[in-house]
Each structure stands twice: as structure tokens, then as C-alpha cells.
Amino acid sequence: MYTAIRCAFVLAAAVFSSSVFGDYVANRLDYVDPGTGAVANFTQLWSINNKGTALGAASFDGGATAFSFIYDPATANYVRLPLPPGFDGITTFANPTGINDAGVMTGTTFEPTGSRGFTLKDGVFTFFSIPGWAETGARTIGNPTAAHPQGVVVGYVDDGVFETLQSFAGFVYDPATAASATINTVDSFITFMHGQNALGQIVGNIFADGSSLAFGRWGTMFTPTTGVDPMLGGTISYFRVNDMRTSARGINDNGLIAAAVQDATGSTQTYVGTSGSFQLVNVPGSTGPACPDSFFLPGTFPEHITNAGQVFGQATDSACIQHGFIATPASLPTGTTSTGAHTFSVDVAASAPIFISAPTAIAYDYALGEHDPRFASVRLPLGMGNNKFVVVVRHKAFAVNAGQLFDFRTHGFEKGVKTFRVACIDPAARLDPVNSLAFPTELTFVEAGKFTGTQQPLVTATGDHDRGDGPISQSECRERLLSRHDADEADD
């Protein structure tokens, strides 16, 4: 076992009053049982990979008992994850908290004898413990690299005694070789390492004892000293947002951090930024006084941030119901046309995702401005009703689920497209007090330029204006559009 180099310095992170990293819009997600349609009253989102597979936990009894799940973009269903053989989910439990692009998960067991880390691949659990420590808690797993073909796992360990200020440490673990490195910090009551990126940076938090740093929670960031390999040692910096108690949880490959920040009242909210500047991410409905039957205040707690800047975590509303939440950095409309279409003005790079957002409708038409580069792909938001949509291009209709990347060029439109329609949005999305406010659409373009186009809300679910038979159900909308087999025009 190797020991990471320790070098502490402190950064005081300021919150800018203006939006440094763009406007964030929020959606929330509740686990829905695919068999019964029952909606969980406790949902936690842990992570998502680049294939759109999201990892979470849910409960139907407010968290007294819970289970883990993934959202499968191929089916738009939530799938419960198995427990290890011999685990009962009550006295013994395994909680996955991280997933990589290969679909490999990692997490922590909770057993009468203590806690172990594990990886979960193709339904097979592999357990591990860091030598020299009583308990191991794994949190996230990175993508495979040449140096670490199974990725690296990040987490924390403790000695099981908790009698010293070095009873906790962070760790990095290589599942391929079983090698590990500990990450030591200044004296603290608790050390917790969680998020990681492709540069080998790791974020987490400590609970300082007041000797080296002011008493309470501090965000931490570990940076490798040799290339991008955290196994070879590194340095640690400590930071707070506006001198408030800070727990860093996610860091993306651009160095953007998602942190949970607790104010003097005890309310915890999500902030996004770098160690030098952060901004508050507002999730509607997550503020207010404590519920009569709970000492917890409404708030949000992030767990993961994607390279596109999307934040995943948990939001507690004013009724103290806990939902998964997704916060998306989106360009908002600059105005509207005479027909009610939302207008935008966004600089774009080839194949680089952007998000645009407008209030949720039952269908939209998306169109380019006069000199805009063509649309290359679209990805639709998770948490909107049953997560099922229909994308229409000219006379072709395609069933597309939330989280799926739909590339126009691989579906018969080699040059990209100038217009497309998103239809058959589940009407339930418009009834949710949070999800009705924002429909963040991920777009990429075939080349660099500026998007000056529009997102037009439509008055019918199919987008057809010649039907006088009133509203139709989502299933009927899908049947009408997906049954079309008209010949398409040539790619222009």
C-alpha cells in the first residue's frame, strides 16, 4: 500500500452574484415501479454515465428500507439491482454509488462485521478491503485507462475505533491489481473522498477539528503530482464556499466541482464552480422551513457532475419528500417570435453539446436560423413523465427515450438536419410543479458557428394541426406517428 503525499493549502471560494457558468434549470425524478406504476416517496440519484445509464436508490417507506436501481435508456425503465448472495437488504445491504462508461458499478456493503467495498460487473459482485483499515467505503469508479484497465475506485476508510484525528483517510484502489494508495489529510474527525475525473483529481470533504483549519466541514481537492495517476501521490487543497460548511462531491474533466454547502440555518444547497468561484444552483421547491414531522430542512445535495455540467443528486422539497434531481446548465430564450417560438443565440462548437431550455410543452419544433450549422444530434431530458418521446424528421418518426443520444447522421441524414420535431411528451411532465418549468434539450452541431434558431411549442401532441378530434393520449400519439412509413425526401 502506498501513501499519497500530503500538502495542504487553503482557498476561500467566493460566490459571484452573476451567473459565471451559465443559467441552471432543474428537473426532478421519482423512481416508478415498472410493474405496478407505484411512485417512490424517496429517490436518490447517485451518478450517470455517458451512455445515459443513471444510478440511484429508492424507497417506498421514506427510506426505512431502500433498494438500488438503474435507469435504462434502452427501455426507459427503472431496473432494480440485485443484492449479493446471502444479503437480505435489511441487516446486510450493498449500496452502489458510482458507475462508469463500461457499466461497472462500485459501492459499499453494510454488514454486522463492518463495511467493504465492491465492484459490480455483469451481475457479479467482487469485494475488497483496503489493508490496514477496519472498514472500506467505495464511492466512485473511473473509466478504464491504459494504466488502469478496470478504472480506479475512490472512497474512504476508517479504523473502526475513531479515537484519533487520523481515524479516517481517503483511498484510491485499482481493481485489476488490488493495489491501493491512501490519501491523508490534516487532522479531522471525518475524511470523505468521493468524486474523480480523468485528470486524476479527487474531491470530498473533511470535518476539521479546528487546529489546522476552522472547525467544521471543508471541501477537499486532491491533485496528482505525476501525470494523471492518483495512485502515484499528490497534494490536497481545502476550500469553503463563502466561508460556509462545504462538502465537495463531484468533479468533471473540466475541473468543475459540484458541492453541498450548508448555511448558518442548517439548510444545504448545491453550488457549482471551481475552487475559486462558485454559483448557487436553484432547485424550485427546495427551500423553506423544516417540516413539522422532521428536523431536516428542505434543500439539495449533489453527488455527481458530468462533463457537460449536469448535476445529479437529491432534493428535499417543502413537504420533506426526497426526489432525485438533475440540474442542467442551459441557454434560455432571448425572446419569442410572433408565433410564440422561443428564440436563442448560442455559440456552438462542432460535436460539443449545448443545452437549451424552455417551459415544458406537449411537443416542439426545433429549427435553425438562416446561417446556423446543422443539428448533428439530440438528447432528451430524464424525469419527464415516462421518459418516452418520438423524434420526427421530415416523414420519418423514431421512438427515442430520455438519455439516449439520437444522432441524425446515423439515421439516414448524413449531413445533419435543419429542423426536427419532438412529439408525444408525457402530459404528466406538465403537471409536475418543477418539471413543468424546464425542458432542457441537449444539442450538438455538425460544425462550429452560432445557433440562432427556435424551439416552437406545439398545440397538439403529434404536432399536426389538421386534427379536430381533441386531445389524444401519449400512447395514441406514439401509435399514430410511429406507424407512418412515408418515403422521405433526399438528404439536401
Protein backbone atom coordinates (compact mmCIF):
# COMPACT_ATOMS: atom_id res chain seq x y z
CA MET A 1 0.00 0.00 0.00
CA TYR A 2 1.31 3.42 -0.97
CA THR A 3 0.68 6.68 0.83
CA ALA A 4 -0.21 9.79 -1.11
CA ILE A 5 1.87 12.91 -0.49
CA ARG A 6 0.14 15.42 1.77
CA CYS A 7 0.46 19.14 1.15
CA ALA A 8 -2.26 21.41 2.48
CA PHE A 9 -3.21 24.90 1.43
CA VAL A 10 -6.47 26.76 1.82
CA LEU A 11 -8.62 28.51 -0.76
CA ALA A 12 -11.56 30.74 0.13
CA ALA A 13 -14.07 30.34 -2.66
CA ALA A 14 -16.25 33.32 -3.46
CA VAL A 15 -19.73 33.19 -4.94
CA PHE A 16 -20.22 35.55 -7.86
CA SER A 17 -23.53 37.37 -7.93
CA SER A 18 -23.77 36.91 -11.70
CA SER A 19 -24.04 33.55 -13.42
CA VAL A 20 -20.44 32.63 -14.13
CA PHE A 21 -21.10 29.22 -15.61
CA GLY A 22 -24.49 29.81 -17.25
CA ASP A 23 -28.08 29.51 -16.10
CA TYR A 24 -29.07 26.25 -14.43
CA VAL A 25 -32.53 24.76 -14.82
CA ALA A 26 -33.72 21.87 -12.67
CA ASN A 27 -35.81 18.76 -13.09
CA ARG A 28 -36.65 16.14 -10.53
CA LEU A 29 -37.07 12.40 -10.82
CA ASP A 30 -39.01 9.85 -8.80
CA TYR A 31 -38.49 6.11 -9.12
CA VAL A 32 -41.52 4.45 -10.72
CA ASP A 33 -42.04 0.72 -10.38
CA PRO A 34 -42.19 -0.59 -13.97
CA GLY A 35 -44.67 -3.32 -12.99
CA THR A 36 -47.16 -1.50 -10.78
CA GLY A 37 -46.60 2.16 -11.62
CA ALA A 38 -46.15 2.95 -7.91
CA VAL A 39 -44.10 6.10 -7.25
CA ALA A 40 -41.42 6.01 -4.56
CA ASN A 41 -41.53 8.66 -1.83
CA PHE A 42 -37.73 8.61 -1.57
CA THR A 43 -35.42 8.78 -4.59
CA GLN A 44 -31.68 9.45 -4.66
CA LEU A 45 -29.65 9.93 -7.84
CA TRP A 46 -26.00 8.98 -7.47
CA SER A 47 -24.47 9.15 -10.92
CA ILE A 48 -24.91 8.78 -14.67
CA ASN A 49 -22.52 7.59 -17.37
CA ASN A 50 -22.01 8.87 -20.90
CA LYS A 51 -24.39 6.23 -22.26
CA GLY A 52 -27.27 7.70 -20.27
CA THR A 53 -27.47 4.94 -17.65
CA ALA A 54 -28.31 6.59 -14.33
CA LEU A 55 -27.71 5.01 -10.91
CA GLY A 56 -29.84 5.68 -7.87
CA ALA A 57 -31.61 4.39 -4.78
CA ALA A 58 -35.28 4.47 -3.83
CA SER A 59 -37.73 3.58 -1.11
CA PHE A 60 -41.48 3.30 -0.69
CA ASP A 61 -41.33 3.82 3.09
CA GLY A 62 -39.43 7.10 3.29
CA GLY A 63 -36.01 5.48 3.43
CA ALA A 64 -36.60 2.98 6.24
CA THR A 65 -35.79 0.28 3.70
CA ALA A 66 -34.26 1.05 0.33
CA PHE A 67 -33.09 -0.60 -2.86
CA SER A 68 -30.73 0.38 -5.66
CA PHE A 69 -31.72 0.84 -9.29
CA ILE A 70 -30.51 1.96 -12.66
CA TYR A 71 -32.42 3.89 -15.28
CA ASP A 72 -32.01 2.01 -18.57
CA PRO A 73 -32.17 4.41 -21.55
CA ALA A 74 -32.71 1.49 -23.94
CA THR A 75 -36.10 0.72 -22.38
CA ALA A 76 -36.91 3.92 -20.43
CA ASN A 77 -37.47 1.66 -17.40
CA TYR A 78 -36.08 1.65 -13.89
CA VAL A 79 -34.40 -1.67 -13.10
CA ARG A 80 -33.78 -2.85 -9.54
CA LEU A 81 -30.25 -4.07 -8.89
CA PRO A 82 -29.60 -7.41 -7.20
CA LEU A 83 -28.13 -7.83 -3.75
CA PRO A 84 -25.09 -10.05 -3.24
CA PRO A 85 -25.87 -13.69 -2.43
CA GLY A 86 -26.84 -14.04 1.24
CA PHE A 87 -27.68 -10.34 1.72
CA ASP A 88 -31.22 -9.56 2.92
CA GLY A 89 -31.38 -5.80 2.31
CA ILE A 90 -32.07 -5.07 6.00
CA THR A 91 -29.32 -6.45 8.23
CA THR A 92 -26.96 -6.74 5.27
CA PHE A 93 -27.05 -4.32 2.37
CA ALA A 94 -24.95 -3.33 -0.65
CA ASN A 95 -25.26 0.26 -1.87
CA PRO A 96 -23.83 1.07 -5.33
CA THR A 97 -22.94 4.77 -5.66
CA GLY A 98 -20.81 5.05 -8.82
CA ILE A 99 -20.98 3.78 -12.40
CA ASN A 100 -18.52 4.18 -15.27
CA ASP A 101 -19.00 4.14 -19.05
CA ALA A 102 -18.36 0.38 -19.16
CA GLY A 103 -21.38 -0.09 -16.89
CA VAL A 104 -19.25 -1.25 -13.94
CA MET A 105 -20.56 -0.05 -10.58
CA THR A 106 -18.91 0.39 -7.21
CA GLY A 107 -20.21 0.91 -3.71
CA THR A 108 -20.17 -0.15 -0.08
CA THR A 109 -21.59 -3.06 1.89
CA PHE A 110 -23.13 -2.61 5.30
CA GLU A 111 -22.71 -5.76 7.40
CA PRO A 112 -22.64 -6.63 11.12
CA THR A 113 -18.89 -7.16 10.82
CA GLY A 114 -18.25 -3.80 9.13
CA SER A 115 -18.17 -2.35 5.64
CA ARG A 116 -16.41 -3.48 2.47
CA GLY A 117 -16.02 -2.00 -0.96
CA PHE A 118 -17.24 -3.82 -4.02
CA THR A 119 -17.46 -3.66 -7.78
CA LEU A 120 -20.50 -4.94 -9.66
CA LYS A 121 -19.95 -6.07 -13.25
CA ASP A 122 -22.44 -8.05 -15.32
CA GLY A 123 -24.29 -9.05 -12.16
CA VAL A 124 -21.18 -10.31 -10.35
CA PHE A 125 -20.04 -8.73 -7.07
CA THR A 126 -16.33 -8.57 -6.27
CA PHE A 127 -15.48 -7.42 -2.74
CA PHE A 128 -12.35 -5.71 -1.45
CA SER A 129 -10.93 -4.09 1.67
CA ILE A 130 -8.00 -1.71 1.97
CA PRO A 131 -5.21 -3.38 4.02
CA GLY A 132 -4.59 -1.90 7.45
CA TRP A 133 -8.07 -0.44 7.87
CA ALA A 134 -11.14 -1.88 9.58
CA GLU A 135 -13.74 -0.56 7.13
CA THR A 136 -13.73 0.38 3.46
CA GLY A 137 -16.31 2.60 1.76
CA ALA A 138 -16.14 2.80 -2.04
CA ARG A 139 -17.86 5.73 -3.77
CA THR A 140 -16.98 6.14 -7.47
CA ILE A 141 -15.20 4.24 -10.25
CA GLY A 142 -13.36 5.83 -13.17
CA ASN A 143 -13.26 4.75 -16.78
CA PRO A 144 -10.68 2.20 -17.95
CA THR A 145 -7.28 3.58 -18.99
CA ALA A 146 -4.04 2.06 -20.24
CA ALA A 147 -2.56 2.33 -16.75
CA HIS A 148 -5.70 1.05 -15.03
CA PRO A 149 -7.67 -1.17 -17.44
CA GLN A 150 -10.54 -1.59 -14.97
CA GLY A 151 -10.52 2.04 -13.84
CA VAL A 152 -9.77 3.15 -10.28
CA VAL A 153 -12.12 3.22 -7.30
CA VAL A 154 -12.16 6.21 -4.94
CA GLY A 155 -13.54 6.19 -1.42
CA TYR A 156 -12.69 6.38 2.27
CA VAL A 157 -11.50 4.07 5.05
CA ASP A 158 -11.66 4.13 8.84
CA ASP A 159 -10.00 2.26 11.69
CA GLY A 160 -13.26 1.23 13.37
CA VAL A 161 -12.18 2.80 16.66
CA PHE A 162 -12.49 6.55 15.96
CA GLU A 163 -10.25 7.59 18.84
CA THR A 164 -7.83 9.82 16.90
CA LEU A 165 -8.00 12.62 14.38
CA GLN A 166 -6.43 10.29 11.82
CA SER A 167 -9.05 7.54 12.14
CA PHE A 168 -10.22 8.26 8.58
CA ALA A 169 -8.43 8.57 5.25
CA GLY A 170 -9.28 8.62 1.59
CA PHE A 171 -8.15 5.89 -0.78
CA VAL A 172 -7.59 5.03 -4.43
CA TYR A 173 -7.87 1.36 -5.43
CA ASP A 174 -7.05 -0.48 -8.66
CA PRO A 175 -9.44 -3.45 -9.11
CA ALA A 176 -7.14 -5.02 -11.72
CA THR A 177 -4.14 -5.33 -9.40
CA ALA A 178 -5.63 -4.82 -5.91
CA ALA A 179 -3.04 -2.06 -5.34
CA SER A 180 -4.17 0.89 -3.24
CA ALA A 181 -2.98 4.29 -2.07
CA THR A 182 -4.25 6.22 0.91
CA ILE A 183 -4.97 9.95 0.82
CA ASN A 184 -4.13 11.59 4.14
CA THR A 185 -5.42 14.98 5.25
CA VAL A 186 -4.94 17.41 8.11
CA ASP A 187 -6.38 16.31 11.45
CA SER A 188 -10.12 15.74 11.14
CA PHE A 189 -12.97 13.87 12.76
CA ILE A 190 -14.10 12.52 9.36
CA THR A 191 -12.45 12.29 5.95
CA PHE A 192 -14.63 11.52 2.95
CA MET A 193 -13.42 11.16 -0.67
CA HIS A 194 -15.98 10.78 -3.44
CA GLY A 195 -15.72 12.33 -6.93
CA GLN A 196 -12.97 11.87 -9.51
CA ASN A 197 -12.16 12.92 -13.06
CA ALA A 198 -9.94 11.79 -15.94
CA LEU A 199 -7.13 14.08 -14.74
CA GLY A 200 -6.84 12.09 -11.53
CA GLN A 201 -8.33 14.87 -9.40
CA ILE A 202 -10.44 13.72 -6.46
CA VAL A 203 -12.88 15.74 -4.35
CA GLY A 204 -14.51 15.17 -0.99
CA ASN A 205 -14.60 16.76 2.43
CA ILE A 206 -13.20 16.64 5.94
CA PHE A 207 -14.65 17.68 9.29
CA ALA A 208 -11.78 19.73 10.70
CA ASP A 209 -11.08 19.78 14.43
CA GLY A 210 -10.20 23.47 14.50
CA SER A 211 -6.43 23.14 14.82
CA SER A 212 -5.17 23.49 11.24
CA LEU A 213 -8.44 24.73 9.75
CA ALA A 214 -11.56 26.33 11.21
CA PHE A 215 -13.85 23.82 12.89
CA GLY A 216 -16.36 22.06 10.66
CA ARG A 217 -16.71 20.78 7.12
CA TRP A 218 -14.27 21.76 4.38
CA GLY A 219 -14.25 20.74 0.75
CA THR A 220 -11.11 18.96 -0.42
CA MET A 221 -9.45 18.54 -3.80
CA PHE A 222 -6.61 16.09 -4.41
CA THR A 223 -4.38 16.71 -7.45
CA PRO A 224 -1.84 14.14 -8.69
CA THR A 225 1.81 15.16 -8.75
CA THR A 226 2.76 12.68 -11.50
CA GLY A 227 0.68 12.95 -14.66
CA VAL A 228 -2.94 11.99 -14.16
CA ASP A 229 -2.40 8.93 -11.96
CA PRO A 230 -3.66 9.45 -8.38
CA MET A 231 -2.00 6.18 -7.31
CA LEU A 232 1.39 7.91 -7.54
CA GLY A 233 0.66 10.58 -4.91
CA GLY A 234 -0.47 14.17 -4.94
CA THR A 235 -1.38 17.29 -2.98
CA ILE A 236 -4.58 18.35 -1.25
CA SER A 237 -6.22 21.76 -1.12
CA TYR A 238 -9.07 22.77 1.18
CA PHE A 239 -11.83 25.24 0.40
CA ARG A 240 -15.12 26.66 1.55
CA VAL A 241 -17.82 28.48 -0.38
CA ASN A 242 -18.38 31.91 1.17
CA ASP A 243 -16.90 30.57 4.42
CA MET A 244 -19.81 28.13 4.76
CA ARG A 245 -19.58 24.42 5.56
CA THR A 246 -18.69 22.71 2.29
CA SER A 247 -18.71 19.10 1.06
CA ALA A 248 -17.39 18.58 -2.48
CA ARG A 249 -18.94 15.61 -4.23
CA GLY A 250 -18.40 15.70 -8.00
CA ILE A 251 -15.68 16.97 -10.33
CA ASN A 252 -15.72 16.73 -14.12
CA ASP A 253 -12.87 16.61 -16.63
CA ASN A 254 -13.03 20.41 -16.98
CA GLY A 255 -12.36 20.85 -13.26
CA LEU A 256 -15.92 21.96 -12.48
CA ILE A 257 -16.94 20.94 -8.95
CA ALA A 258 -20.39 20.22 -7.51
CA ALA A 259 -20.53 20.88 -3.77
CA ALA A 260 -23.08 20.72 -0.96
CA VAL A 261 -22.95 23.91 1.10
CA GLN A 262 -24.68 24.36 4.45
CA ASP A 263 -25.58 27.82 5.70
CA ALA A 264 -25.97 29.05 9.27
CA THR A 265 -29.62 27.91 9.41
CA GLY A 266 -28.66 24.34 8.55
CA SER A 267 -30.08 24.45 5.02
CA THR A 268 -27.91 22.63 2.46
CA GLN A 269 -27.90 23.70 -1.19
CA THR A 270 -25.92 22.84 -4.31
CA TYR A 271 -23.16 25.06 -5.67
CA VAL A 272 -21.18 24.59 -8.87
CA GLY A 273 -17.84 26.12 -9.78
CA THR A 274 -14.11 25.90 -9.29
CA SER A 275 -12.18 26.24 -6.06
CA GLY A 276 -12.05 30.00 -6.69
CA SER A 277 -15.64 30.83 -7.68
CA PHE A 278 -19.00 29.11 -7.22
CA GLN A 279 -22.62 29.80 -8.05
CA LEU A 280 -25.80 28.60 -6.37
CA VAL A 281 -27.91 26.08 -8.28
CA ASN A 282 -31.55 26.83 -7.55
CA VAL A 283 -33.92 23.85 -7.49
CA PRO A 284 -37.53 25.09 -7.19
CA GLY A 285 -39.35 23.84 -4.11
CA SER A 286 -36.20 23.02 -2.15
CA THR A 287 -36.28 25.91 0.32
CA GLY A 288 -38.42 26.77 3.32
CA PRO A 289 -38.92 25.86 6.98
CA ALA A 290 -38.50 22.38 8.40
CA CYS A 291 -41.47 20.06 8.13
CA PRO A 292 -43.46 19.50 11.35
CA ASP A 293 -42.52 15.81 11.45
CA SER A 294 -38.86 16.28 10.54
CA PHE A 295 -35.87 18.24 11.82
CA PHE A 296 -34.44 18.35 8.28
CA LEU A 297 -34.78 21.48 6.21
CA PRO A 298 -35.65 21.40 2.52
CA GLY A 299 -32.56 21.55 0.36
CA THR A 300 -30.40 19.79 -2.20
CA PHE A 301 -27.31 17.60 -2.06
CA PRO A 302 -25.29 16.89 -5.23
CA GLU A 303 -23.42 13.64 -5.89
CA HIS A 304 -22.14 13.84 -9.49
CA ILE A 305 -21.37 16.34 -12.25
CA THR A 306 -21.00 15.38 -15.91
CA ASN A 307 -18.54 16.82 -18.41
CA ALA A 308 -21.45 18.80 -19.87
CA GLY A 309 -22.03 20.34 -16.42
CA GLN A 310 -25.20 18.48 -15.46
CA VAL A 311 -25.50 17.85 -11.72
CA PHE A 312 -27.21 14.78 -10.22
CA GLY A 313 -28.25 14.41 -6.60
CA GLN A 314 -31.14 14.54 -4.15
CA ALA A 315 -33.64 17.32 -3.44
CA THR A 316 -35.84 17.51 -0.34
CA ASP A 317 -38.99 19.54 -1.00
CA SER A 318 -41.03 21.64 1.41
CA ALA A 319 -43.14 18.57 2.28
CA CYS A 320 -39.91 16.71 3.11
CA ILE A 321 -40.37 14.29 0.21
CA GLN A 322 -36.99 13.35 -1.24
CA HIS A 323 -36.58 13.31 -5.02
CA GLY A 324 -33.71 12.76 -7.35
CA PHE A 325 -32.76 15.99 -9.09
CA ILE A 326 -30.93 16.92 -12.27
CA ALA A 327 -29.65 20.47 -12.74
CA THR A 328 -28.66 21.44 -16.28
CA PRO A 329 -26.63 24.46 -17.48
CA ALA A 330 -28.88 25.72 -20.25
CA SER A 331 -29.15 28.68 -22.57
CA LEU A 332 -32.51 30.32 -22.01
CA PRO A 333 -34.64 32.03 -24.66
CA THR A 334 -33.64 35.51 -25.76
CA GLY A 335 -37.20 36.26 -26.86
CA THR A 336 -40.19 34.91 -28.75
CA THR A 337 -41.43 35.21 -32.31
CA SER A 338 -44.92 36.33 -33.33
CA THR A 339 -45.96 32.65 -33.38
CA GLY A 340 -44.70 32.02 -29.85
CA ALA A 341 -41.46 30.25 -30.76
CA HIS A 342 -38.61 30.69 -28.28
CA THR A 343 -35.51 32.26 -29.84
CA PHE A 344 -31.90 31.57 -28.91
CA SER A 345 -28.41 32.89 -29.58
CA VAL A 346 -25.68 30.43 -28.58
CA ASP A 347 -22.11 29.97 -29.81
CA VAL A 348 -21.51 26.32 -30.70
CA ALA A 349 -18.51 24.11 -31.47
CA ALA A 350 -18.57 21.04 -33.68
CA SER A 351 -19.90 17.99 -31.80
CA ALA A 352 -19.79 19.82 -28.43
CA PRO A 353 -23.08 19.55 -26.52
CA ILE A 354 -25.10 22.58 -25.51
CA PHE A 355 -28.42 22.73 -23.72
CA ILE A 356 -31.37 24.97 -24.47
CA SER A 357 -34.46 25.09 -22.29
CA ALA A 358 -38.00 26.41 -22.35
CA PRO A 359 -41.11 25.61 -20.30
CA THR A 360 -42.40 22.09 -20.90
CA ALA A 361 -44.96 21.59 -23.68
CA ILE A 362 -46.59 18.51 -25.25
CA ALA A 363 -44.46 18.81 -28.39
CA TYR A 364 -41.88 21.12 -30.01
CA ASP A 365 -40.47 22.00 -33.39
CA TYR A 366 -36.76 22.85 -33.43
CA ALA A 367 -35.39 24.90 -36.33
CA LEU A 368 -32.11 26.54 -37.31
CA GLY A 369 -31.53 30.19 -38.01
CA GLU A 370 -30.56 31.27 -41.52
CA HIS A 371 -26.81 30.66 -41.32
CA ASP A 372 -26.64 28.16 -38.46
CA PRO A 373 -24.69 24.88 -38.69
CA ARG A 374 -26.95 21.84 -38.89
CA PHE A 375 -28.15 19.79 -35.94
CA ALA A 376 -25.99 16.67 -35.51
CA SER A 377 -27.71 15.03 -32.53
CA VAL A 378 -30.28 15.48 -29.79
CA ARG A 379 -30.63 14.01 -26.30
CA LEU A 380 -33.88 14.47 -24.37
CA PRO A 381 -34.23 15.02 -20.60
CA LEU A 382 -34.63 12.36 -17.93
CA GLY A 383 -37.52 12.62 -15.48
CA MET A 384 -40.20 13.85 -17.89
CA GLY A 385 -43.19 11.60 -17.19
CA ASN A 386 -42.45 8.12 -18.51
CA ASN A 387 -39.27 9.28 -20.28
CA LYS A 388 -40.57 8.31 -23.74
CA PHE A 389 -40.64 10.59 -26.79
CA VAL A 390 -40.97 10.50 -30.57
CA VAL A 391 -38.47 12.38 -32.75
CA VAL A 392 -39.81 13.28 -36.18
CA VAL A 393 -37.59 14.29 -39.09
CA ARG A 394 -39.44 15.08 -42.29
CA HIS A 395 -41.64 12.00 -42.84
CA LYS A 396 -39.74 9.66 -40.52
CA ALA A 397 -40.61 9.06 -36.87
CA PHE A 398 -38.31 7.45 -34.30
CA ALA A 399 -39.02 6.21 -30.78
CA VAL A 400 -36.43 7.84 -28.51
CA ASN A 401 -36.07 7.52 -24.74
CA ALA A 402 -34.70 10.01 -22.26
CA GLY A 403 -30.93 9.83 -22.04
CA GLN A 404 -30.47 8.20 -25.45
CA LEU A 405 -28.19 10.07 -27.84
CA PHE A 406 -30.06 10.31 -31.15
CA ASP A 407 -27.58 11.08 -33.94
CA PHE A 408 -29.37 12.26 -37.07
CA ARG A 409 -26.38 11.30 -39.23
CA THR A 410 -26.67 7.61 -38.34
CA HIS A 411 -30.41 7.58 -39.01
CA GLY A 412 -30.37 8.50 -42.68
CA PHE A 413 -29.47 12.19 -42.53
CA GLU A 414 -25.74 12.20 -43.25
CA LYS A 415 -25.39 15.99 -43.36
CA GLY A 416 -27.39 16.58 -40.20
CA VAL A 417 -30.79 18.28 -40.24
CA LYS A 418 -32.19 21.79 -40.32
CA THR A 419 -35.42 21.03 -38.44
CA PHE A 420 -36.90 18.27 -36.33
CA ARG A 421 -39.83 17.68 -34.00
CA VAL A 422 -40.07 16.20 -30.52
CA ALA A 423 -43.59 14.83 -30.06
CA CYS A 424 -45.71 12.74 -27.70
CA ILE A 425 -44.25 14.17 -24.47
CA ASP A 426 -45.98 12.55 -21.49
CA PRO A 427 -48.64 15.04 -20.24
CA ALA A 428 -47.64 14.15 -16.66
CA ALA A 429 -44.48 16.21 -17.13
CA ARG A 430 -46.56 19.39 -17.37
CA LEU A 431 -48.34 18.59 -14.11
CA ASP A 432 -45.16 18.39 -12.04
CA PRO A 433 -44.53 21.78 -10.37
CA VAL A 434 -40.79 21.55 -11.09
CA ASN A 435 -40.59 19.64 -14.38
CA SER A 436 -43.21 21.88 -15.97
CA LEU A 437 -40.77 24.79 -15.75
CA ALA A 438 -37.92 23.42 -17.87
CA PHE A 439 -37.38 21.03 -20.78
CA PRO A 440 -33.58 21.04 -21.22
CA THR A 441 -32.66 19.71 -24.67
CA GLU A 442 -29.08 18.64 -25.40
CA LEU A 443 -27.98 19.52 -28.95
CA THR A 444 -24.81 19.07 -30.95
CA PHE A 445 -23.97 20.58 -34.32
CA VAL A 446 -22.01 19.38 -37.35
CA GLU A 447 -19.63 22.36 -37.27
CA ALA A 448 -18.80 25.45 -35.27
CA GLY A 449 -20.90 28.58 -35.53
CA LYS A 450 -23.86 30.16 -33.77
CA PHE A 451 -27.28 28.72 -33.09
CA THR A 452 -29.86 31.45 -33.67
CA GLY A 453 -32.80 29.12 -34.17
CA THR A 454 -36.06 28.45 -32.39
CA GLN A 455 -37.90 25.99 -30.17
CA GLN A 456 -41.60 26.22 -31.02
CA PRO A 457 -44.14 24.82 -28.52
CA LEU A 458 -46.90 22.97 -30.37
CA VAL A 459 -50.59 22.78 -29.53
CA THR A 460 -51.05 19.09 -30.30
CA ALA A 461 -49.07 16.09 -29.09
CA THR A 462 -48.30 14.93 -32.63
CA GLY A 463 -47.59 18.42 -33.90
CA ASP A 464 -50.24 18.00 -36.58
CA HIS A 465 -52.60 20.96 -36.84
CA ASP A 466 -55.23 19.36 -39.06
CA ARG A 467 -56.78 17.08 -36.42
CA GLY A 468 -60.02 18.30 -34.92
CA ASP A 469 -60.71 15.35 -32.64
CA GLY A 470 -59.34 16.94 -29.47
CA PRO A 471 -56.56 15.81 -27.14
CA ILE A 472 -55.14 12.31 -27.51
CA SER A 473 -53.23 10.08 -25.12
CA GLN A 474 -49.49 9.63 -25.31
CA SER A 475 -49.92 6.02 -26.43
CA GLU A 476 -52.24 7.04 -29.26
CA CYS A 477 -49.84 9.81 -30.25
CA ARG A 478 -46.99 7.32 -30.45
CA GLU A 479 -49.09 4.84 -32.42
CA ARG A 480 -50.06 7.48 -34.98
CA LEU A 481 -46.55 8.76 -35.56
CA LEU A 482 -44.59 5.52 -35.36
CA SER A 483 -46.93 3.79 -37.81
CA ARG A 484 -46.02 6.22 -40.56
CA HIS A 485 -43.89 4.77 -43.34
CA ASP A 486 -43.91 7.61 -45.86
CA ALA A 487 -40.98 7.86 -48.26
CA ASP A 488 -38.52 10.51 -47.19
CA GLU A 489 -37.11 13.25 -49.33
CA ALA A 490 -33.47 13.06 -50.37
CA ASP A 491 -30.92 14.49 -47.98
CA ASP A 492 -30.37 18.10 -49.04
